[in-house]
Amino acid sequence: MKVAIVSDWLIGGGAERVVLELHRMYPNAPIYTSYATDEWKDKLVGKVITGYLQSWPFSKLRKFIPPLRGFWFSNLNLSEYDLVISSSGAEAKFIKTKPGTKHIAYIHAPTHYYWDRYDQYLKHPGFGVFDWLARLGLKLLVGPMRRWDWRAAQRPDRLIANSNFTKTQIKKYYGRDSVVIHPPVDTKMFQAKSQEPKAKSQRSGFVVAGRQAPYKRFDLAVAACTKLSLPLLVIGNGPEHKKLTKIAGPTVTFLSNASDKDLVGYFQKSEAFIFPGVDDFGIVAVEAMAAGCPVIAYKAGGVLDYVNEKTGMFFDKPSTQSLMSVLKKFDAAHFDNLIISSRAKSFSAERFKEQVSLFLSQHHLRNG
């Protein structure tokens, strides 16, 4: 069976991890994408196929060209393949396949900038001095692009959602059913080493990590810990970085560059990982759990698939006060790091590959 993999782009993130595991399942499958960094080309050992969007000036204007991506993907010739698996939160699902070719689409989210986060993107486009142009383009194109996106979402033979939250979003915006298979998390790297539950005295402070974008709501964690004079480590960078540093008090520390090895140590030493935004899944929170770190999360989104009373706590409103009320009650001594770490194992890369293989066999599509 000839297999091809299709991805929106290969830059870095959860979608790329899905592509990496699919590549390990199908090492001979070519990977079609609109743009790939040299790092990802190396990781995928020469299997990446790109087109004119990889070249200047398109490579420098990636944020501005969703219609061009849609056009490029919809015109790919994939007629020689028996199975095509797309990993998409944007335009990769726009591909067209011939009768006899099965298309399985792994959906990370209905395209954010057309649907669920349209208002957020309109308010915070993330283009700096070109925000005005991005807003204008989004307003002019959102109608036709929504229709194009909806039609494209009807093309795959089967849809896989990365969380129950995304499954609901797919039904809401695309009117289609999907099966949930959670994305792969490198739980082995983050696994807690201690064989004993860590007491509160062995853990100190709170941590938040990831790209500092408006929808991540890192501002809630920074403001809450500032007001309560609680130590907070903010790991990462992004368009909200300057704003966050301005509202941060003396108990908040910023670390812009941290390796995965560094993250393991910080997660293992922290009282809790704060996850204050709504995410489609939230791989970084599961990484923290793999290190035995409880998660304090806003009660919405993909986090509902893995946080419970044994692995963390929820706050009910997206407000500083709501998060503060939970931080005041939080006690790390009430959590067993081994139970938390064990819960994270169910989101491992091995588990992902098992579930994808089972899904394909149930639909009479064997591994290559």
Protein backbone atom coordinates (compact mmCIF):
# COMPACT_ATOMS: atom_id res chain seq x y z
CA MET A 1 0.00 0.00 0.00
CA LYS A 2 1.38 3.40 -1.00
CA VAL A 3 1.00 6.02 1.72
CA ALA A 4 1.50 9.81 1.74
CA ILE A 5 1.47 12.22 4.67
CA VAL A 6 0.34 15.84 4.33
CA SER A 7 0.94 18.63 6.86
CA ASP A 8 0.07 22.34 6.97
CA TRP A 9 3.70 23.24 7.67
CA LEU A 10 6.67 21.85 9.60
CA ILE A 11 8.00 24.47 11.99
CA GLY A 12 7.52 23.14 15.53
CA GLY A 13 4.60 22.19 17.75
CA GLY A 14 2.02 19.50 18.45
CA ALA A 15 0.99 19.03 14.82
CA GLU A 16 4.59 18.35 13.86
CA ARG A 17 4.84 15.67 16.55
CA VAL A 18 1.89 13.90 14.95
CA VAL A 19 3.70 14.02 11.59
CA LEU A 20 6.89 12.66 13.20
CA GLU A 21 5.06 9.65 14.66
CA LEU A 22 3.23 9.03 11.38
CA HIS A 23 6.64 9.10 9.68
CA ARG A 24 7.88 6.47 12.12
CA MET A 25 4.85 4.35 11.27
CA TYR A 26 5.35 4.87 7.53
CA PRO A 27 9.08 5.59 7.03
CA ASN A 28 8.82 5.38 3.24
CA ALA A 29 5.89 7.78 2.92
CA PRO A 30 6.62 11.20 1.39
CA ILE A 31 5.52 14.20 3.45
CA TYR A 32 3.91 17.05 1.53
CA THR A 33 3.87 20.44 3.23
CA SER A 34 3.69 24.13 2.37
CA TYR A 35 6.87 25.02 4.30
CA ALA A 36 9.49 23.16 6.34
CA THR A 37 12.44 24.36 8.38
CA ASP A 38 15.85 22.76 7.81
CA GLU A 39 15.56 21.17 11.26
CA TRP A 40 12.36 19.36 10.32
CA LYS A 41 13.72 18.35 6.94
CA ASP A 42 16.61 16.68 8.78
CA LYS A 43 14.28 15.00 11.29
CA LEU A 44 12.22 13.54 8.46
CA VAL A 45 15.30 12.28 6.58
CA GLY A 46 14.67 13.57 3.10
CA LYS A 47 10.99 12.65 2.88
CA VAL A 48 9.71 16.27 2.84
CA ILE A 49 8.24 17.57 -0.42
CA THR A 50 7.52 21.30 -0.75
CA GLY A 51 6.62 23.64 -3.60
CA TYR A 52 6.88 27.31 -4.47
CA LEU A 53 5.55 28.36 -1.04
CA GLN A 54 8.87 27.19 0.42
CA SER A 55 10.70 29.87 -1.57
CA TRP A 56 11.13 33.61 -1.09
CA PRO A 57 9.00 35.75 -0.84
CA PHE A 58 6.30 33.27 0.24
CA SER A 59 8.55 31.79 2.93
CA LYS A 60 8.73 35.24 4.55
CA LEU A 61 4.99 35.89 4.22
CA ARG A 62 3.66 32.61 5.64
CA LYS A 63 1.15 34.27 7.96
CA PHE A 64 -0.37 36.25 5.11
CA ILE A 65 -1.03 33.46 2.61
CA PRO A 66 -3.78 31.05 3.79
CA PRO A 67 -5.57 31.32 0.40
CA LEU A 68 -2.35 30.41 -1.42
CA ARG A 69 -1.83 27.44 0.90
CA GLY A 70 -5.39 26.32 0.25
CA PHE A 71 -4.82 26.58 -3.50
CA TRP A 72 -1.47 24.74 -3.32
CA PHE A 73 -2.83 21.85 -1.25
CA SER A 74 -6.00 21.48 -3.34
CA ASN A 75 -3.87 21.14 -6.49
CA LEU A 76 -1.47 18.46 -5.23
CA ASN A 77 -1.46 15.34 -7.37
CA LEU A 78 -1.84 12.43 -4.95
CA SER A 79 -3.36 9.99 -7.42
CA GLU A 80 -0.60 7.38 -7.00
CA TYR A 81 -1.37 6.75 -3.30
CA ASP A 82 -3.73 4.27 -1.68
CA LEU A 83 -3.85 6.12 1.64
CA VAL A 84 -3.25 9.79 2.45
CA ILE A 85 -3.10 10.95 6.07
CA SER A 86 -3.28 14.70 6.64
CA SER A 87 -2.33 16.44 9.88
CA SER A 88 -4.25 19.67 9.78
CA GLY A 89 -5.32 22.66 11.81
CA ALA A 90 -5.47 24.79 8.66
CA GLU A 91 -5.24 24.03 4.93
CA ALA A 92 -3.65 20.55 4.63
CA LYS A 93 -7.12 18.99 4.60
CA PHE A 94 -7.82 20.90 1.34
CA ILE A 95 -6.20 18.07 -0.64
CA LYS A 96 -8.29 16.22 -3.20
CA THR A 97 -7.99 12.48 -3.68
CA LYS A 98 -9.11 10.19 -6.50
CA PRO A 99 -11.71 7.42 -6.07
CA GLY A 100 -9.92 4.47 -4.51
CA THR A 101 -7.60 6.64 -2.43
CA LYS A 102 -8.57 6.92 1.23
CA HIS A 103 -8.00 10.24 2.99
CA ILE A 104 -7.83 10.20 6.79
CA ALA A 105 -7.61 13.69 8.30
CA TYR A 106 -6.17 14.17 11.78
CA ILE A 107 -7.76 17.47 12.83
CA HIS A 108 -6.00 19.55 15.48
CA ALA A 109 -8.80 22.16 15.31
CA PRO A 110 -11.23 23.65 12.83
CA THR A 111 -9.11 26.45 11.37
CA HIS A 112 -8.80 28.91 14.25
CA TYR A 113 -8.69 32.15 12.29
CA TYR A 114 -11.96 31.35 10.47
CA TRP A 115 -13.99 29.86 13.29
CA ASP A 116 -13.56 29.61 17.06
CA ARG A 117 -10.82 32.24 17.48
CA TYR A 118 -11.80 34.60 14.68
CA ASP A 119 -12.57 37.45 17.12
CA GLN A 120 -9.29 36.87 18.98
CA TYR A 121 -7.28 36.97 15.76
CA LEU A 122 -9.11 40.11 14.71
CA LYS A 123 -8.20 41.76 18.02
CA HIS A 124 -4.64 40.42 18.20
CA PRO A 125 -3.49 39.38 14.69
CA GLY A 126 0.13 39.05 15.80
CA PHE A 127 1.60 40.87 12.78
CA GLY A 128 3.12 43.82 14.64
CA VAL A 129 3.09 46.97 12.52
CA PHE A 130 1.08 45.08 9.88
CA ASP A 131 -1.83 44.28 12.25
CA TRP A 132 -4.04 46.73 10.34
CA LEU A 133 -3.39 44.89 7.08
CA ALA A 134 -4.04 41.51 8.68
CA ARG A 135 -7.35 42.74 10.11
CA LEU A 136 -8.42 44.11 6.74
CA GLY A 137 -7.51 40.89 4.95
CA LEU A 138 -9.26 38.74 7.53
CA LYS A 139 -12.45 40.79 7.35
CA LEU A 140 -12.51 40.70 3.55
CA LEU A 141 -11.67 37.02 3.17
CA VAL A 142 -13.30 35.32 6.17
CA GLY A 143 -16.62 34.72 4.38
CA PRO A 144 -15.31 32.96 1.27
CA MET A 145 -12.53 31.23 3.23
CA ARG A 146 -15.03 29.81 5.73
CA ARG A 147 -17.04 28.36 2.86
CA TRP A 148 -13.89 26.94 1.26
CA ASP A 149 -12.70 25.55 4.60
CA TRP A 150 -16.09 23.90 5.25
CA ARG A 151 -16.14 22.28 1.82
CA ALA A 152 -12.58 21.02 2.29
CA ALA A 153 -13.55 19.45 5.64
CA GLN A 154 -16.17 17.35 3.82
CA ARG A 155 -13.55 15.72 1.55
CA PRO A 156 -11.72 13.32 3.92
CA ASP A 157 -13.19 9.83 4.25
CA ARG A 158 -12.71 9.84 8.04
CA LEU A 159 -11.81 12.47 10.62
CA ILE A 160 -9.73 12.02 13.76
CA ALA A 161 -9.89 14.67 16.51
CA ASN A 162 -7.03 15.35 18.92
CA SER A 163 -9.39 15.77 21.91
CA ASN A 164 -13.03 15.59 22.89
CA PHE A 165 -13.10 19.39 22.78
CA THR A 166 -11.93 19.34 19.15
CA LYS A 167 -14.46 16.60 18.39
CA THR A 168 -17.21 18.95 19.56
CA GLN A 169 -15.74 21.82 17.52
CA ILE A 170 -15.59 19.65 14.39
CA LYS A 171 -19.26 18.79 14.80
CA LYS A 172 -20.15 22.43 15.43
CA TYR A 173 -18.31 23.99 12.49
CA TYR A 174 -18.04 21.15 9.98
CA GLY A 175 -21.11 19.09 10.84
CA ARG A 176 -19.10 15.86 10.88
CA ASP A 177 -18.43 13.09 13.35
CA SER A 178 -14.89 12.18 14.35
CA VAL A 179 -12.98 9.71 16.50
CA VAL A 180 -10.70 10.97 19.29
CA ILE A 181 -7.05 9.92 19.24
CA HIS A 182 -4.92 12.10 21.48
CA PRO A 183 -1.63 13.46 20.07
CA PRO A 184 1.68 11.81 21.01
CA VAL A 185 3.55 13.16 24.03
CA ASP A 186 7.16 12.26 24.80
CA THR A 187 6.24 11.08 28.27
CA LYS A 188 9.43 9.04 28.69
CA MET A 189 11.61 12.14 28.58
CA PHE A 190 9.49 13.93 31.20
CA GLN A 191 8.86 10.88 33.39
CA ALA A 192 9.23 11.49 37.11
CA LYS A 193 12.31 9.68 38.42
CA SER A 194 11.40 9.55 42.10
CA GLN A 195 9.75 6.38 43.35
CA GLU A 196 8.24 8.25 46.28
CA PRO A 197 5.45 10.86 46.23
CA LYS A 198 7.04 14.30 46.47
CA ALA A 199 5.93 16.25 49.52
CA LYS A 200 5.13 19.93 49.29
CA SER A 201 8.46 20.72 50.95
CA GLN A 202 10.27 19.10 48.02
CA ARG A 203 8.50 21.28 45.44
CA SER A 204 8.64 25.03 45.29
CA GLY A 205 6.73 27.64 43.29
CA PHE A 206 4.61 27.45 40.17
CA VAL A 207 5.44 27.27 36.50
CA VAL A 208 3.79 28.17 33.19
CA ALA A 209 5.32 27.40 29.80
CA GLY A 210 4.64 27.79 26.11
CA ARG A 211 4.24 30.40 23.41
CA GLN A 212 3.10 33.66 24.98
CA ALA A 213 0.09 34.34 22.75
CA PRO A 214 -3.05 36.20 23.90
CA TYR A 215 -5.33 33.14 23.91
CA LYS A 216 -2.93 31.27 26.23
CA ARG A 217 -3.90 33.77 29.00
CA PHE A 218 -0.51 33.74 30.72
CA ASP A 219 -1.52 37.16 32.02
CA LEU A 220 -3.89 35.44 34.47
CA ALA A 221 -1.07 33.37 35.97
CA VAL A 222 1.30 36.35 36.16
CA ALA A 223 -1.31 38.64 37.72
CA ALA A 224 -2.56 36.04 40.22
CA CYS A 225 0.92 35.06 41.44
CA THR A 226 1.95 38.73 41.61
CA LYS A 227 -1.04 39.64 43.78
CA LEU A 228 -0.51 36.64 46.07
CA SER A 229 3.30 37.08 46.14
CA LEU A 230 3.75 33.51 44.95
CA PRO A 231 6.86 32.44 43.04
CA LEU A 232 6.12 31.83 39.35
CA LEU A 233 8.50 30.81 36.57
CA VAL A 234 7.31 31.86 33.09
CA ILE A 235 9.06 29.83 30.40
CA GLY A 236 8.89 30.79 26.74
CA ASN A 237 8.44 33.82 24.55
CA GLY A 238 5.94 35.36 22.16
CA PRO A 239 3.93 38.46 21.27
CA GLU A 240 2.66 38.90 24.84
CA HIS A 241 6.13 38.86 26.43
CA LYS A 242 6.51 42.62 26.95
CA LYS A 243 3.02 42.92 28.36
CA LEU A 244 3.65 40.10 30.80
CA THR A 245 6.91 41.56 32.05
CA LYS A 246 5.16 44.89 32.68
CA ILE A 247 2.44 43.40 34.88
CA ALA A 248 4.78 41.00 36.72
CA GLY A 249 5.80 41.58 40.30
CA PRO A 250 9.09 40.62 42.01
CA THR A 251 8.02 37.00 42.59
CA VAL A 252 7.69 36.32 38.85
CA THR A 253 10.74 35.16 36.88
CA PHE A 254 11.01 34.90 33.10
CA LEU A 255 13.06 32.38 31.17
CA SER A 256 12.91 32.85 27.40
CA ASN A 257 15.16 30.00 26.33
CA ALA A 258 14.87 26.59 27.95
CA SER A 259 15.70 23.20 26.47
CA ASP A 260 13.46 20.18 26.89
CA LYS A 261 15.94 18.87 29.46
CA ASP A 262 15.58 22.11 31.39
CA LEU A 263 11.79 21.79 31.29
CA VAL A 264 11.97 18.33 32.87
CA GLY A 265 13.84 19.75 35.84
CA TYR A 266 11.54 22.74 36.28
CA PHE A 267 8.41 20.59 36.08
CA GLN A 268 9.78 18.09 38.60
CA LYS A 269 10.62 20.86 41.08
CA SER A 270 7.42 22.94 40.82
CA GLU A 271 4.38 22.70 43.06
CA ALA A 272 2.08 22.93 40.06
CA PHE A 273 1.91 23.77 36.38
CA ILE A 274 -0.59 26.54 35.62
CA PHE A 275 -2.59 26.15 32.40
CA PRO A 276 -4.79 29.26 32.25
CA GLY A 277 -6.03 29.30 28.62
CA VAL A 278 -8.33 27.23 26.42
CA ASP A 279 -6.35 24.90 24.18
CA ASP A 280 -7.44 22.22 21.73
CA PHE A 281 -5.33 19.68 23.65
CA GLY A 282 -2.32 21.14 25.48
CA ILE A 283 0.71 18.88 25.13
CA VAL A 284 2.86 20.92 27.52
CA ALA A 285 0.43 20.26 30.39
CA VAL A 286 0.70 16.51 29.82
CA GLU A 287 4.50 16.86 29.75
CA ALA A 288 4.29 18.51 33.17
CA MET A 289 2.12 15.64 34.39
CA ALA A 290 4.65 13.12 33.07
CA ALA A 291 7.17 14.82 35.37
CA GLY A 292 4.76 14.29 38.28
CA CYS A 293 3.63 17.92 38.40
CA PRO A 294 -0.03 18.66 39.23
CA VAL A 295 -1.88 20.96 36.81
CA ILE A 296 -4.01 23.94 37.78
CA ALA A 297 -6.16 24.64 34.74
CA TYR A 298 -9.06 26.72 33.50
CA LYS A 299 -11.96 24.29 33.20
CA ALA A 300 -12.40 24.24 29.43
CA GLY A 301 -10.87 22.77 26.28
CA GLY A 302 -8.68 19.72 25.79
CA VAL A 303 -7.43 19.80 29.37
CA LEU A 304 -10.70 18.15 30.44
CA ASP A 305 -9.40 14.92 28.85
CA TYR A 306 -6.56 14.51 31.35
CA VAL A 307 -6.92 16.69 34.48
CA ASN A 308 -9.04 15.34 37.33
CA GLU A 309 -9.04 15.45 41.12
CA LYS A 310 -5.99 13.18 41.26
CA THR A 311 -3.91 15.09 38.73
CA GLY A 312 -4.77 18.73 39.48
CA MET A 313 -7.38 21.39 40.14
CA PHE A 314 -9.66 23.59 38.02
CA PHE A 315 -10.65 27.23 38.26
CA ASP A 316 -14.05 28.03 36.75
CA LYS A 317 -13.76 31.53 35.29
CA PRO A 318 -11.07 33.05 33.02
CA SER A 319 -10.27 35.68 35.62
CA THR A 320 -7.44 36.53 37.99
CA GLN A 321 -9.75 36.24 41.00
CA SER A 322 -10.93 32.76 40.04
CA LEU A 323 -7.34 31.52 39.64
CA MET A 324 -6.31 33.20 42.90
CA SER A 325 -9.04 31.38 44.81
CA VAL A 326 -7.64 28.02 43.66
CA LEU A 327 -4.01 28.99 44.30
CA LYS A 328 -4.95 29.89 47.88
CA LYS A 329 -6.40 26.40 48.42
CA PHE A 330 -3.77 24.46 46.52
CA ASP A 331 -1.54 22.08 48.50
CA ALA A 332 1.02 20.00 46.60
CA ALA A 333 1.11 17.48 49.48
CA HIS A 334 -2.35 16.28 48.45
CA PHE A 335 -1.02 14.92 45.16
CA ASP A 336 1.00 11.78 44.41
CA ASN A 337 3.51 12.45 41.66
CA LEU A 338 3.56 8.79 40.60
CA ILE A 339 -0.20 8.74 40.04
CA ILE A 340 0.06 11.94 38.00
CA SER A 341 2.99 10.58 35.99
CA SER A 342 1.18 7.29 35.40
CA ARG A 343 -1.88 9.14 34.06
CA ALA A 344 0.34 10.88 31.50
CA LYS A 345 1.52 7.52 30.10
CA SER A 346 -1.83 7.05 28.38
CA PHE A 347 -0.84 9.91 26.05
CA SER A 348 2.51 8.43 25.00
CA ALA A 349 3.77 8.15 21.42
CA GLU A 350 3.43 4.37 21.67
CA ARG A 351 -0.21 4.71 22.65
CA PHE A 352 -0.80 7.12 19.74
CA LYS A 353 0.64 4.67 17.21
CA GLU A 354 -1.39 1.79 18.65
CA GLN A 355 -4.62 3.76 18.39
CA VAL A 356 -3.90 4.96 14.85
CA SER A 357 -3.08 1.40 13.77
CA LEU A 358 -6.30 0.13 15.35
CA PHE A 359 -8.31 2.88 13.67
CA LEU A 360 -6.84 2.04 10.26
CA SER A 361 -7.42 -1.69 10.70
CA GLN A 362 -11.03 -1.07 11.69
CA HIS A 363 -11.44 0.77 8.39
CA HIS A 364 -9.64 -2.01 6.50
CA LEU A 365 -6.46 0.02 6.00
CA ARG A 366 -3.39 -1.90 7.09
CA ASN A 367 -0.06 -0.39 8.05
CA GLY A 368 2.24 -0.08 5.03
